[in-house]
C-alpha atoms as a PDB file:
ATOM      1  CA  MET A   1     125.259 117.473  81.522  1.00  0.00           C
ATOM      2  CA  SER A   2     122.601 115.056  82.467  1.00  0.00           C
ATOM      3  CA  THR A   3     118.494 115.871  82.723  1.00  0.00           C
ATOM      4  CA  TYR A   4     116.735 113.977  84.824  1.00  0.00           C
ATOM      5  CA  PHE A   5     112.910 113.876  85.451  1.00  0.00           C
ATOM      6  CA  ASP A   6     111.696 113.608  88.872  1.00  0.00           C
ATOM      7  CA  PHE A   7     108.554 111.469  88.492  1.00  0.00           C
ATOM      8  CA  PRO A   8     107.018 109.480  91.256  1.00  0.00           C
ATOM      9  CA  THR A   9     108.041 105.867  91.703  1.00  0.00           C
ATOM     10  CA  CYS A  10     106.713 102.918  93.414  1.00  0.00           C
ATOM     11  CA  PHE A  11     108.444 101.714  96.353  1.00  0.00           C
ATOM     12  CA  VAL A  12     108.426  98.262  96.228  1.00  0.00           C
ATOM     13  CA  CYS A  13     109.197  97.973  91.733  1.00  0.00           C
ATOM     14  CA  ARG A  14     110.272 101.092  90.913  1.00  0.00           C
ATOM     15  CA  SER A  15     107.233 101.553  87.982  1.00  0.00           C
ATOM     16  CA  ILE A  16     106.275 104.359  86.992  1.00  0.00           C
ATOM     17  CA  GLU A  17     102.969 103.051  86.685  1.00  0.00           C
ATOM     18  CA  LEU A  18     100.789 104.962  88.951  1.00  0.00           C
ATOM     19  CA  GLU A  19      96.811 105.382  89.460  1.00  0.00           C
ATOM     20  CA  ILE A  20      95.727 107.514  92.589  1.00  0.00           C
ATOM     21  CA  VAL A  21      91.871 105.642  94.150  1.00  0.00           C
ATOM     22  CA  SER A  22      90.182 106.583  96.799  1.00  0.00           C
ATOM     23  CA  ASN A  23      89.716 104.425  99.191  1.00  0.00           C
ATOM     24  CA  ASP A  24      86.787 104.793 102.317  1.00  0.00           C
ATOM     25  CA  ASP A  25      89.026 104.698 105.136  1.00  0.00           C
ATOM     26  CA  TYR A  26      92.232 106.691 104.173  1.00  0.00           C
ATOM     27  CA  GLY A  27      90.994 108.590 101.340  1.00  0.00           C
ATOM     28  CA  PRO A  28      93.622 109.426  98.113  1.00  0.00           C
ATOM     29  CA  MET A  29      95.785 106.326  97.822  1.00  0.00           C
ATOM     30  CA  THR A  30      98.010 105.535  94.811  1.00  0.00           C
ATOM     31  CA  LEU A  31      98.336 102.616  93.365  1.00  0.00           C
ATOM     32  CA  CYS A  32     101.151 100.502  91.117  1.00  0.00           C
ATOM     33  CA  GLY A  33     100.007  99.049  87.993  1.00  0.00           C
ATOM     34  CA  GLU A  34     103.156  97.025  87.829  1.00  0.00           C
ATOM     35  CA  CYS A  35     102.906  94.880  91.425  1.00  0.00           C
ATOM     36  CA  GLY A  36      99.901  96.417  92.914  1.00  0.00           C
ATOM     37  CA  TYR A  37     101.938  97.564  95.997  1.00  0.00           C
ATOM     38  CA  SER A  38      98.916 100.822  97.646  1.00  0.00           C
ATOM     39  CA  TRP A  39     100.377 103.266  99.913  1.00  0.00           C
ATOM     40  CA  ILE A  40      98.634 106.869 101.102  1.00  0.00           C
ATOM     41  CA  ALA A  41      99.335 109.338  98.035  1.00  0.00           C
ATOM     42  CA  THR A  42     101.250 112.706  98.277  1.00  0.00           C
ATOM     43  CA  PHE A  43     101.195 115.750  97.484  1.00  0.00           C
ATOM     44  CA  GLU A  44     103.925 115.012  95.601  1.00  0.00           C
ATOM     45  CA  ASP A  45     102.715 111.733  94.177  1.00  0.00           C
ATOM     46  CA  ILE A  46      99.514 114.050  92.655  1.00  0.00           C
ATOM     47  CA  SER A  47     100.094 115.465  89.169  1.00  0.00           C
ATOM     48  CA  PRO A  48      97.819 115.629  86.154  1.00  0.00           C
ATOM     49  CA  ASN A  49     100.280 112.185  84.692  1.00  0.00           C
ATOM     50  CA  ILE A  50      98.636 110.486  86.804  1.00  0.00           C
ATOM     51  CA  ILE A  51      95.639 108.920  85.527  1.00  0.00           C
ATOM     52  CA  LYS A  52      92.826 109.037  88.409  1.00  0.00           C
ATOM     53  CA  ASN A  53      89.774 106.298  89.029  1.00  0.00           C
ATOM     54  CA  ILE A  54      87.707 105.921  91.744  1.00  0.00           C
ATOM     55  CA  ALA A  55      87.935 102.614  94.052  1.00  0.00           C
ATOM     56  CA  SER A  56      84.921 100.442  95.994  1.00  0.00           C
END
């Protein structure tokens, strides 16, 4: 039986290299380190495995 890991992925390029950044207008956002696409972070996106950075 196959084992599936449930990692959050980028909606554009499907990379798992994601970061949580803080935006003054929108709050926590998920940023893809591969393609640069960002979106408002959901509860599923925030985990201990994701690097947290503060963007000004």
